[in-house]
C-alpha atoms as a PDB file:
ATOM      1  CA  MET A   1      -4.747-134.633 -87.235  1.00  0.00           C
ATOM      2  CA  ARG A   2      -2.759-131.856 -88.852  1.00  0.00           C
ATOM      3  CA  THR A   3       1.009-132.318 -88.750  1.00  0.00           C
ATOM      4  CA  ILE A   4       3.698-129.689 -89.177  1.00  0.00           C
ATOM      5  CA  SER A   5       6.989-130.613 -90.760  1.00  0.00           C
ATOM      6  CA  VAL A   6      10.028-129.281 -88.988  1.00  0.00           C
ATOM      7  CA  GLY A   7      13.331-128.831 -90.778  1.00  0.00           C
ATOM      8  CA  SER A   8      16.747-129.443 -89.254  1.00  0.00           C
ATOM      9  CA  ARG A   9      17.398-125.699 -88.791  1.00  0.00           C
ATOM     10  CA  ASP A  10      14.021-125.213 -87.122  1.00  0.00           C
ATOM     11  CA  ARG A  11      14.621-128.246 -84.872  1.00  0.00           C
ATOM     12  CA  GLN A  12      17.951-126.769 -83.824  1.00  0.00           C
ATOM     13  CA  ASP A  13      16.356-123.447 -82.927  1.00  0.00           C
ATOM     14  CA  LEU A  14      13.555-125.260 -81.112  1.00  0.00           C
ATOM     15  CA  TRP A  15      16.004-127.245 -79.002  1.00  0.00           C
ATOM     16  CA  ILE A  16      17.900-124.073 -78.151  1.00  0.00           C
ATOM     17  CA  LEU A  17      14.666-122.433 -77.078  1.00  0.00           C
ATOM     18  CA  VAL A  18      13.723-125.435 -74.903  1.00  0.00           C
ATOM     19  CA  LEU A  19      17.157-125.526 -73.289  1.00  0.00           C
ATOM     20  CA  LEU A  20      17.020-121.831 -72.517  1.00  0.00           C
ATOM     21  CA  LEU A  21      13.606-122.201 -70.939  1.00  0.00           C
ATOM     22  CA  LEU A  22      14.763-125.171 -68.887  1.00  0.00           C
ATOM     23  CA  THR A  23      17.862-123.392 -67.655  1.00  0.00           C
ATOM     24  CA  GLY A  24      15.780-120.392 -66.698  1.00  0.00           C
ATOM     25  CA  VAL A  25      17.547-117.835 -68.889  1.00  0.00           C
ATOM     26  CA  TRP A  26      14.204-116.390 -70.001  1.00  0.00           C
ATOM     27  CA  GLY A  27      11.860-115.226 -67.337  1.00  0.00           C
ATOM     28  CA  ASP A  28      14.428-115.306 -64.533  1.00  0.00           C
ATOM     29  CA  GLU A  29      14.089-112.425 -62.167  1.00  0.00           C
ATOM     30  CA  GLY A  30      16.806-109.883 -62.773  1.00  0.00           C
ATOM     31  CA  TRP A  31      17.222-110.542 -66.511  1.00  0.00           C
ATOM     32  CA  GLU A  32      15.703-107.858 -68.702  1.00  0.00           C
ATOM     33  CA  VAL A  33      16.075-105.831 -71.914  1.00  0.00           C
ATOM     34  CA  LYS A  34      14.024-102.662 -72.312  1.00  0.00           C
ATOM     35  CA  TYR A  35      13.439-100.790 -75.560  1.00  0.00           C
ATOM     36  CA  PRO A  36      10.413 -99.234 -77.259  1.00  0.00           C
ATOM     37  CA  ALA A  37       8.077-101.620 -79.049  1.00  0.00           C
ATOM     38  CA  SER A  38       8.243 -99.497 -82.205  1.00  0.00           C
ATOM     39  CA  PHE A  39      10.272 -96.638 -83.561  1.00  0.00           C
ATOM     40  CA  CYS A  40       9.993 -94.515 -86.681  1.00  0.00           C
ATOM     41  CA  GLY A  41      12.422 -92.345 -88.572  1.00  0.00           C
ATOM     42  CA  ILE A  42      12.660 -90.235 -91.700  1.00  0.00           C
ATOM     43  CA  LYS A  43      14.628 -91.621 -94.637  1.00  0.00           C
ATOM     44  CA  GLY A  44      18.164 -90.233 -94.721  1.00  0.00           C
ATOM     45  CA  SER A  45      18.171 -89.229 -91.065  1.00  0.00           C
ATOM     46  CA  THR A  46      20.037 -90.636 -88.078  1.00  0.00           C
ATOM     47  CA  VAL A  47      17.927 -92.433 -85.499  1.00  0.00           C
ATOM     48  CA  THR A  48      18.914 -93.533 -82.025  1.00  0.00           C
ATOM     49  CA  ILE A  49      17.139 -96.521 -80.464  1.00  0.00           C
ATOM     50  CA  PRO A  50      17.188 -96.232 -76.659  1.00  0.00           C
ATOM     51  CA  CYS A  51      17.903 -99.520 -74.900  1.00  0.00           C
ATOM     52  CA  ARG A  52      18.700-100.644 -71.349  1.00  0.00           C
ATOM     53  CA  TYR A  53      19.442-104.110 -69.943  1.00  0.00           C
ATOM     54  CA  LYS A  54      20.018-105.696 -66.543  1.00  0.00           C
ATOM     55  CA  TYR A  55      21.094-109.042 -65.036  1.00  0.00           C
ATOM     56  CA  PRO A  56      21.833-110.594 -61.624  1.00  0.00           C
ATOM     57  CA  GLU A  57      24.832-109.192 -59.783  1.00  0.00           C
ATOM     58  CA  LYS A  58      27.004-112.304 -60.046  1.00  0.00           C
ATOM     59  CA  TYR A  59      27.056-112.089 -63.868  1.00  0.00           C
ATOM     60  CA  HIS A  60      29.231-109.853 -66.034  1.00  0.00           C
ATOM     61  CA  PRO A  61      28.449-109.137 -69.727  1.00  0.00           C
ATOM     62  CA  VAL A  62      31.238-110.217 -72.071  1.00  0.00           C
ATOM     63  CA  ARG A  63      29.475-109.984 -75.439  1.00  0.00           C
ATOM     64  CA  VAL A  64      26.686-107.773 -76.844  1.00  0.00           C
ATOM     65  CA  ILE A  65      24.821-108.303 -80.130  1.00  0.00           C
ATOM     66  CA  TRP A  66      22.195-106.510 -82.217  1.00  0.00           C
ATOM     67  CA  CYS A  67      20.498-108.640 -84.876  1.00  0.00           C
ATOM     68  CA  ILE A  68      17.356-108.971 -87.014  1.00  0.00           C
ATOM     69  CA  THR A  69      14.984-111.826 -87.858  1.00  0.00           C
ATOM     70  CA  HIS A  70      16.142-114.350 -85.238  1.00  0.00           C
ATOM     71  CA  THR A  71      14.213-114.341 -81.973  1.00  0.00           C
ATOM     72  CA  ILE A  72      17.299-114.877 -79.794  1.00  0.00           C
ATOM     73  CA  CYS A  73      20.106-113.591 -82.081  1.00  0.00           C
ATOM     74  CA  GLN A  74      21.890-116.921 -82.433  1.00  0.00           C
ATOM     75  CA  GLY A  75      23.275-119.029 -85.236  1.00  0.00           C
ATOM     76  CA  THR A  76      23.885-117.446 -88.628  1.00  0.00           C
ATOM     77  CA  THR A  77      21.256-114.748 -88.205  1.00  0.00           C
ATOM     78  CA  PRO A  78      22.374-111.387 -89.663  1.00  0.00           C
ATOM     79  CA  LYS A  79      24.109-109.315 -87.005  1.00  0.00           C
ATOM     80  CA  PHE A  80      24.442-105.584 -87.465  1.00  0.00           C
ATOM     81  CA  TYR A  81      26.661-105.318 -84.410  1.00  0.00           C
ATOM     82  CA  ASP A  82      28.654-107.956 -82.529  1.00  0.00           C
ATOM     83  CA  SER A  83      31.265-106.934 -79.959  1.00  0.00           C
ATOM     84  CA  ASN A  84      33.265-110.061 -80.851  1.00  0.00           C
ATOM     85  CA  PHE A  85      33.702-108.808 -84.411  1.00  0.00           C
ATOM     86  CA  THR A  86      36.267-106.199 -85.404  1.00  0.00           C
ATOM     87  CA  THR A  87      34.184-105.084 -88.374  1.00  0.00           C
ATOM     88  CA  ASN A  88      30.457-104.425 -88.273  1.00  0.00           C
ATOM     89  CA  HIS A  89      27.900-102.789 -90.525  1.00  0.00           C
ATOM     90  CA  PRO A  90      29.223 -99.237 -91.102  1.00  0.00           C
ATOM     91  CA  GLY A  91      25.823 -97.570 -90.723  1.00  0.00           C
ATOM     92  CA  PHE A  92      25.075 -99.208 -87.356  1.00  0.00           C
ATOM     93  CA  LYS A  93      26.895 -97.857 -84.306  1.00  0.00           C
ATOM     94  CA  TYR A  94      26.677 -99.335 -80.840  1.00  0.00           C
ATOM     95  CA  ILE A  95      26.825 -96.385 -78.442  1.00  0.00           C
ATOM     96  CA  GLY A  96      26.064 -98.472 -75.377  1.00  0.00           C
ATOM     97  CA  ASP A  97      28.421-100.456 -73.139  1.00  0.00           C
ATOM     98  CA  LYS A  98      28.837-103.799 -71.387  1.00  0.00           C
ATOM     99  CA  LYS A  99      27.119-102.635 -68.228  1.00  0.00           C
ATOM    100  CA  ASN A 100      23.522-101.476 -68.690  1.00  0.00           C
ATOM    101  CA  ASN A 101      23.311 -99.332 -71.823  1.00  0.00           C
ATOM    102  CA  CYS A 102      22.518-101.060 -75.135  1.00  0.00           C
ATOM    103  CA  THR A 103      21.618 -98.014 -77.272  1.00  0.00           C
ATOM    104  CA  LEU A 104      21.963 -98.438 -81.037  1.00  0.00           C
ATOM    105  CA  GLN A 105      22.384 -95.640 -83.585  1.00  0.00           C
ATOM    106  CA  ILE A 106      21.568 -96.020 -87.287  1.00  0.00           C
ATOM    107  CA  GLU A 107      22.958 -93.425 -89.676  1.00  0.00           C
ATOM    108  CA  ASN A 108      21.439 -92.483 -93.026  1.00  0.00           C
ATOM    109  CA  ILE A 109      18.550 -94.840 -92.431  1.00  0.00           C
ATOM    110  CA  ASN A 110      16.732 -96.210 -95.485  1.00  0.00           C
ATOM    111  CA  THR A 111      13.331 -97.739 -96.121  1.00  0.00           C
ATOM    112  CA  THR A 112      15.039-101.141 -96.418  1.00  0.00           C
ATOM    113  CA  ASP A 113      15.976-100.794 -92.736  1.00  0.00           C
ATOM    114  CA  SER A 114      12.321-101.162 -91.728  1.00  0.00           C
ATOM    115  CA  LYS A 115      12.729-104.345 -89.673  1.00  0.00           C
ATOM    116  CA  THR A 116      12.480-105.732 -86.159  1.00  0.00           C
ATOM    117  CA  TYR A 117      15.747-105.465 -84.216  1.00  0.00           C
ATOM    118  CA  ARG A 118      16.694-107.412 -81.098  1.00  0.00           C
ATOM    119  CA  PHE A 119      19.456-107.122 -78.526  1.00  0.00           C
ATOM    120  CA  ARG A 120      21.271-110.044 -76.895  1.00  0.00           C
ATOM    121  CA  PHE A 121      24.026-110.185 -74.300  1.00  0.00           C
ATOM    122  CA  GLU A 122      26.170-113.053 -73.050  1.00  0.00           C
ATOM    123  CA  THR A 123      27.757-113.172 -69.611  1.00  0.00           C
ATOM    124  CA  ASP A 124      30.391-114.746 -67.440  1.00  0.00           C
ATOM    125  CA  PRO A 125      29.502-117.108 -65.726  1.00  0.00           C
ATOM    126  CA  LYS A 126      28.147-118.486 -68.978  1.00  0.00           C
ATOM    127  CA  ASN A 127      24.624-117.336 -69.621  1.00  0.00           C
ATOM    128  CA  ALA A 128      22.717-115.180 -72.091  1.00  0.00           C
ATOM    129  CA  HIS A 129      19.540-113.198 -72.508  1.00  0.00           C
ATOM    130  CA  THR A 130      17.733-111.654 -75.504  1.00  0.00           C
ATOM    131  CA  GLY A 131      15.049-108.990 -75.530  1.00  0.00           C
ATOM    132  CA  GLN A 132      12.719-111.216 -77.512  1.00  0.00           C
ATOM    133  CA  SER A 133      10.012-108.599 -78.085  1.00  0.00           C
ATOM    134  CA  GLY A 134      12.449-106.516 -80.148  1.00  0.00           C
ATOM    135  CA  VAL A 135      11.867-103.018 -81.473  1.00  0.00           C
ATOM    136  CA  HIS A 136      10.224-102.540 -84.855  1.00  0.00           C
ATOM    137  CA  ILE A 137      11.653 -99.674 -86.894  1.00  0.00           C
ATOM    138  CA  GLU A 138       9.506 -98.006 -89.536  1.00  0.00           C
ATOM    139  CA  VAL A 139      11.274 -95.736 -92.001  1.00  0.00           C
ATOM    140  CA  ARG A 140       9.172 -93.161 -93.851  1.00  0.00           C
ATOM    141  CA  GLU A 141       9.804 -90.970 -96.836  1.00  0.00           C
ATOM    142  CA  ILE A 142       9.682 -87.207 -96.428  1.00  0.00           C
ATOM    143  CA  ASP A 143       6.047 -86.304 -96.939  1.00  0.00           C
ATOM    144  CA  ASN A 144       5.287 -82.818 -98.173  1.00  0.00           C
ATOM    145  CA  ASN A 145       1.992 -83.072 -96.303  1.00  0.00           C
ATOM    146  CA  ILE A 146       3.856 -83.293 -92.971  1.00  0.00           C
ATOM    147  CA  THR A 147       3.598 -79.851 -91.422  1.00  0.00           C
ATOM    148  CA  LEU A 148       5.878 -78.231 -88.891  1.00  0.00           C
ATOM    149  CA  GLU A 149       4.729 -75.528 -86.527  1.00  0.00           C
ATOM    150  CA  VAL A 150       6.594 -73.159 -84.198  1.00  0.00           C
ATOM    151  CA  THR A 151       5.059 -72.258 -80.851  1.00  0.00           C
ATOM    152  CA  ALA A 152       6.470 -70.112 -78.037  1.00  0.00           C
ATOM    153  CA  SER A 153       6.325 -70.338 -74.259  1.00  0.00           C
ATOM    154  CA  ASP A 154       5.293 -66.646 -74.294  1.00  0.00           C
ATOM    155  CA  ASP A 155       3.972 -64.445 -77.071  1.00  0.00           C
ATOM    156  CA  ARG A 156       6.266 -61.611 -76.040  1.00  0.00           C
ATOM    157  CA  ALA A 157       9.832 -62.317 -74.999  1.00  0.00           C
ATOM    158  CA  SER A 158      11.187 -60.569 -71.929  1.00  0.00           C
ATOM    159  CA  LYS A 159      14.429 -60.554 -70.000  1.00  0.00           C
ATOM    160  CA  GLU A 160      13.463 -63.922 -68.440  1.00  0.00           C
ATOM    161  CA  GLY A 161      13.834 -65.504 -71.888  1.00  0.00           C
ATOM    162  CA  VAL A 162      11.591 -67.539 -74.162  1.00  0.00           C
ATOM    163  CA  THR A 163      11.527 -71.103 -75.549  1.00  0.00           C
ATOM    164  CA  LEU A 164      10.393 -71.882 -79.093  1.00  0.00           C
ATOM    165  CA  SER A 165       9.164 -75.407 -79.907  1.00  0.00           C
ATOM    166  CA  CYS A 166       9.000 -77.106 -83.286  1.00  0.00           C
ATOM    167  CA  THR A 167       6.028 -79.478 -83.396  1.00  0.00           C
ATOM    168  CA  SER A 168       4.774 -81.783 -86.118  1.00  0.00           C
ATOM    169  CA  SER A 169       1.864 -83.986 -87.068  1.00  0.00           C
ATOM    170  CA  SER A 170       4.353 -86.849 -87.499  1.00  0.00           C
ATOM    171  CA  PRO A 171       6.178 -88.255 -84.441  1.00  0.00           C
ATOM    172  CA  CYS A 172       8.926 -89.588 -86.729  1.00  0.00           C
ATOM    173  CA  ILE A 173      10.218 -86.066 -87.236  1.00  0.00           C
ATOM    174  CA  PHE A 174      11.497 -85.831 -83.686  1.00  0.00           C
ATOM    175  CA  ASN A 175      13.480 -89.034 -83.857  1.00  0.00           C
ATOM    176  CA  ASN A 176      15.617 -87.021 -86.249  1.00  0.00           C
ATOM    177  CA  PRO A 177      18.060 -84.771 -84.356  1.00  0.00           C
ATOM    178  CA  LYS A 178      18.708 -82.553 -87.380  1.00  0.00           C
ATOM    179  CA  ILE A 179      15.934 -80.015 -86.847  1.00  0.00           C
ATOM    180  CA  THR A 180      17.198 -76.667 -88.171  1.00  0.00           C
ATOM    181  CA  TRP A 181      16.134 -73.213 -86.946  1.00  0.00           C
ATOM    182  CA  TYR A 182      15.924 -69.990 -88.934  1.00  0.00           C
ATOM    183  CA  GLN A 183      15.625 -66.352 -87.905  1.00  0.00           C
ATOM    184  CA  ASN A 184      14.557 -64.021 -90.702  1.00  0.00           C
ATOM    185  CA  ASN A 185      15.681 -66.687 -93.233  1.00  0.00           C
ATOM    186  CA  THR A 186      19.131 -66.920 -91.615  1.00  0.00           C
ATOM    187  CA  ILE A 187      20.162 -70.415 -90.425  1.00  0.00           C
ATOM    188  CA  LEU A 188      20.935 -70.548 -86.708  1.00  0.00           C
ATOM    189  CA  GLN A 189      23.447 -72.852 -85.042  1.00  0.00           C
ATOM    190  CA  ALA A 190      20.799 -74.364 -82.779  1.00  0.00           C
ATOM    191  CA  ARG A 191      19.602 -77.898 -83.555  1.00  0.00           C
ATOM    192  CA  GLY A 192      16.758 -79.950 -82.114  1.00  0.00           C
ATOM    193  CA  PRO A 193      13.020 -79.569 -81.507  1.00  0.00           C
ATOM    194  CA  THR A 194      13.407 -76.637 -79.085  1.00  0.00           C
ATOM    195  CA  LEU A 195      15.185 -73.284 -79.283  1.00  0.00           C
ATOM    196  CA  THR A 196      15.813 -71.452 -75.997  1.00  0.00           C
ATOM    197  CA  LEU A 197      16.659 -67.754 -75.924  1.00  0.00           C
ATOM    198  CA  SER A 198      17.851 -67.181 -72.361  1.00  0.00           C
ATOM    199  CA  ARG A 199      19.249 -63.667 -72.744  1.00  0.00           C
ATOM    200  CA  VAL A 200      16.792 -61.784 -74.876  1.00  0.00           C
ATOM    201  CA  SER A 201      17.627 -58.483 -76.540  1.00  0.00           C
ATOM    202  CA  LEU A 202      15.871 -56.367 -79.145  1.00  0.00           C
ATOM    203  CA  SER A 203      17.966 -58.081 -81.834  1.00  0.00           C
ATOM    204  CA  ASP A 204      16.178 -61.374 -81.057  1.00  0.00           C
ATOM    205  CA  ALA A 205      12.907 -60.043 -82.415  1.00  0.00           C
ATOM    206  CA  GLY A 206      11.905 -61.379 -85.828  1.00  0.00           C
ATOM    207  CA  ASN A 207      10.387 -64.288 -87.728  1.00  0.00           C
ATOM    208  CA  TYR A 208      11.400 -67.787 -86.626  1.00  0.00           C
ATOM    209  CA  SER A 209      10.832 -71.075 -88.458  1.00  0.00           C
ATOM    210  CA  CYS A 210      12.076 -74.671 -88.229  1.00  0.00           C
ATOM    211  CA  GLY A 211      12.730 -77.388 -90.782  1.00  0.00           C
ATOM    212  CA  ILE A 212      14.393 -80.724 -91.467  1.00  0.00           C
ATOM    213  CA  GLU A 213      17.999 -80.303 -92.576  1.00  0.00           C
ATOM    214  CA  SER A 214      17.765 -83.039 -95.199  1.00  0.00           C
ATOM    215  CA  SER A 215      14.555 -81.653 -96.704  1.00  0.00           C
ATOM    216  CA  PRO A 216      14.417 -77.965 -97.670  1.00  0.00           C
ATOM    217  CA  PHE A 217      10.707 -78.322 -98.446  1.00  0.00           C
ATOM    218  CA  SER A 218       9.716 -79.268 -94.892  1.00  0.00           C
ATOM    219  CA  ARG A 219      10.066 -75.779 -93.434  1.00  0.00           C
ATOM    220  CA  SER A 220       7.369 -74.426 -91.132  1.00  0.00           C
ATOM    221  CA  ASP A 221       5.493 -71.168 -91.444  1.00  0.00           C
ATOM    222  CA  ALA A 222       7.172 -68.172 -89.824  1.00  0.00           C
ATOM    223  CA  TYR A 223       6.445 -67.311 -86.215  1.00  0.00           C
ATOM    224  CA  SER A 224       6.746 -63.616 -85.368  1.00  0.00           C
ATOM    225  CA  LEU A 225       8.504 -63.083 -82.040  1.00  0.00           C
ATOM    226  CA  GLN A 226       8.110 -59.685 -80.398  1.00  0.00           C
ATOM    227  CA  VAL A 227      10.550 -58.497 -77.773  1.00  0.00           C
ATOM    228  CA  GLU A 228       9.483 -56.175 -75.006  1.00  0.00           C
ATOM    229  CA  ASP A 229      11.443 -52.964 -74.511  1.00  0.00           C
ATOM    230  CA  ILE A 230      13.722 -54.296 -71.832  1.00  0.00           C
ATOM    231  CA  PRO A 231      15.604 -51.751 -69.694  1.00  0.00           C
ATOM    232  CA  LYS A 232      19.302 -52.351 -69.728  1.00  0.00           C
ATOM    233  CA  THR A 233      20.232 -54.374 -66.736  1.00  0.00           C
ATOM    234  CA  LEU A 234      23.280 -53.091 -64.887  1.00  0.00           C
ATOM    235  CA  THR A 235      25.843 -55.755 -64.275  1.00  0.00           C
ATOM    236  CA  ALA A 236      27.597 -56.159 -60.925  1.00  0.00           C
ATOM    237  CA  PRO A 237      30.793 -54.266 -61.970  1.00  0.00           C
ATOM    238  CA  VAL A 238      28.717 -51.394 -63.343  1.00  0.00           C
ATOM    239  CA  MET A 239      26.633 -51.254 -60.168  1.00  0.00           C
ATOM    240  CA  LEU A 240      29.815 -51.156 -58.087  1.00  0.00           C
ATOM    241  CA  ALA A 241      31.231 -48.347 -60.215  1.00  0.00           C
ATOM    242  CA  VAL A 242      28.005 -46.364 -59.856  1.00  0.00           C
ATOM    243  CA  ARG A 243      27.995 -46.792 -56.096  1.00  0.00           C
ATOM    244  CA  LEU A 244      31.641 -45.735 -55.794  1.00  0.00           C
ATOM    245  CA  THR A 245      30.957 -42.680 -57.954  1.00  0.00           C
ATOM    246  CA  VAL A 246      27.991 -41.644 -55.810  1.00  0.00           C
ATOM    247  CA  LEU A 247      30.067 -42.142 -52.654  1.00  0.00           C
ATOM    248  CA  ALA A 248      32.920 -40.035 -54.074  1.00  0.00           C
ATOM    249  CA  ILE A 249      30.533 -37.223 -55.039  1.00  0.00           C
ATOM    250  CA  ALA A 250      28.910 -37.273 -51.579  1.00  0.00           C
ATOM    251  CA  THR A 251      32.348 -37.154 -49.927  1.00  0.00           C
ATOM    252  CA  ALA A 252      33.467 -34.245 -52.119  1.00  0.00           C
ATOM    253  CA  VAL A 253      30.295 -32.248 -51.373  1.00  0.00           C
ATOM    254  CA  THR A 254      30.746 -32.835 -47.646  1.00  0.00           C
ATOM    255  CA  ILE A 255      34.360 -31.603 -47.763  1.00  0.00           C
ATOM    256  CA  ILE A 256      33.347 -28.446 -49.682  1.00  0.00           C
ATOM    257  CA  ILE A 257      30.588 -27.646 -47.180  1.00  0.00           C
ATOM    258  CA  VAL A 258      32.940 -28.106 -44.213  1.00  0.00           C
ATOM    259  CA  ARG A 259      35.607 -25.850 -45.776  1.00  0.00           C
ATOM    260  CA  ARG A 260      33.091 -23.111 -46.467  1.00  0.00           C
ATOM    261  CA  LEU A 261      31.826 -23.218 -42.899  1.00  0.00           C
ATOM    262  CA  LYS A 262      35.405 -22.959 -41.610  1.00  0.00           C
ATOM    263  CA  ALA A 263      36.098 -19.973 -43.843  1.00  0.00           C
ATOM    264  CA  LYS A 264      32.937 -18.227 -42.679  1.00  0.00           C
ATOM    265  CA  TYR A 265      33.559 -18.911 -38.973  1.00  0.00           C
ATOM    266  CA  PRO A 266      37.359 -19.059 -38.542  1.00  0.00           C
ATOM    267  CA  ASN A 267      37.374 -18.829 -34.654  1.00  0.00           C
ATOM    268  CA  LYS A 268      34.343 -20.993 -34.097  1.00  0.00           C
ATOM    269  CA  GLU A 269      36.422 -24.097 -33.666  1.00  0.00           C
ATOM    270  CA  ASN A 270      38.666 -22.488 -30.968  1.00  0.00           C
ATOM    271  CA  ARG A 271      35.726 -21.082 -29.114  1.00  0.00           C
ATOM    272  CA  ASP A 272      33.949 -24.332 -29.199  1.00  0.00           C
ATOM    273  CA  SER A 273      36.994 -26.080 -27.757  1.00  0.00           C
ATOM    274  CA  VAL A 274      37.054 -23.916 -24.524  1.00  0.00           C
ATOM    275  CA  ASP A 275      34.727 -24.951 -21.784  1.00  0.00           C
ATOM    276  CA  THR A 276      33.056 -21.527 -21.185  1.00  0.00           C
ATOM    277  CA  PRO A 277      30.683 -21.331 -18.231  1.00  0.00           C
ATOM    278  CA  PRO A 278      27.228 -19.996 -18.922  1.00  0.00           C
ATOM    279  CA  ALA A 279      26.941 -16.201 -18.742  1.00  0.00           C
ATOM    280  CA  ASP A 280      25.486 -14.723 -15.519  1.00  0.00           C
ATOM    281  CA  PRO A 281      23.421 -11.539 -16.129  1.00  0.00           C
ATOM    282  CA  ILE A 282      24.390 -10.106 -12.718  1.00  0.00           C
ATOM    283  CA  TYR A 283      28.069 -10.750 -13.373  1.00  0.00           C
ATOM    284  CA  ILE A 284      27.878  -9.023 -16.723  1.00  0.00           C
ATOM    285  CA  ASN A 285      26.188  -5.955 -15.131  1.00  0.00           C
ATOM    286  CA  MET A 286      28.916  -5.659 -12.493  1.00  0.00           C
ATOM    287  CA  ARG A 287      31.643  -5.680 -15.128  1.00  0.00           C
ATOM    288  CA  GLU A 288      29.993  -2.831 -16.979  1.00  0.00           C
ATOM    289  CA  THR A 289      30.106  -0.622 -13.757  1.00  0.00           C
ATOM    290  CA  ASN A 290      33.441   1.248 -13.180  1.00  0.00           C
ATOM    291  CA  PRO A 291      34.986   0.229  -9.857  1.00  0.00           C
ATOM    292  CA  SER A 292      35.491   2.973  -7.246  1.00  0.00           C
ATOM    293  CA  PRO A 293      39.036   3.868  -6.064  1.00  0.00           C
ATOM    294  CA  LYS A 294      40.124   2.321  -2.818  1.00  0.00           C
ATOM    295  CA  GLY A 295      38.940   4.313   0.228  1.00  0.00           C
ATOM    296  CA  GLU A 296      36.426   6.337  -1.759  1.00  0.00           C
ATOM    297  CA  SER A 297      32.753   5.854  -1.637  1.00  0.00           C
ATOM    298  CA  ARG A 298      30.974   4.951  -4.837  1.00  0.00           C
ATOM    299  CA  GLN A 299      28.861   7.689  -6.250  1.00  0.00           C
ATOM    300  CA  ASP A 300      25.657   6.868  -7.942  1.00  0.00           C
ATOM    301  CA  VAL A 301      25.841   7.874 -11.556  1.00  0.00           C
ATOM    302  CA  ASN A 302      22.369   9.200 -11.301  1.00  0.00           C
ATOM    303  CA  THR A 303      23.307  11.713  -8.477  1.00  0.00           C
ATOM    304  CA  VAL A 304      22.931  15.347  -9.578  1.00  0.00           C
ATOM    305  CA  LYS A 305      25.859  17.461  -8.664  1.00  0.00           C
END
């Protein structure tokens, strides 16, 4: 039979593991740490390892730890972050909390940081849990063979806008937030794998490229963005001013027309205001005939003397 010798340190860790299994710390429903199984980054960049954890409601985290090597982050294992310590590794920043977020950020990462990292939290009432699977970080050198490429959501930008994306053959590139954008060889303020132009004008036309800030040799080929001839869109204040101007002109024209009509027909308004009965042809004929004097008979005007 083959025997395996166990040292005092290993026996101690083994007993801890057995006790944790017996007390149900591992595998209990409600205890969990989630992070990616692996993660890669470019040397000299800043990487952020996403991490979430949960626990039963009656517990409250009082201590959080990030470590390497040890499966449950106990004993004298190297700790890059421990909330009980006032000083921690300067390049490792815990940007999580003591609730559910256990995200870790590593600045200026180096190839020597290629290790497996684990997160552990301790609670009150007294208990603890470690994400035993850990997350393996692989740090790569900048490879001149890694190519970047710029693609656009539309070949021709319009007033609706356009989004440019920086893609790469290496997924490690996009764990680095310092993606730089250029327009006609001029560095833009935008950072990250996408560049969104929401309000496009003719000045946005040109050649766009992306690159890694820490590596001037990793720049992509230029992408030529064409901008359609977009009619100038009137803003709300301009539209209001135009409408008021049109209304004022229409009012002025109406006033001029009314004044000219009044000048041409000065008595038309007075005549129109009197309720004149319709003209009777018989009545008009009688008025045109001279009345005869009283007591005299009317002579017909057609009578020959």
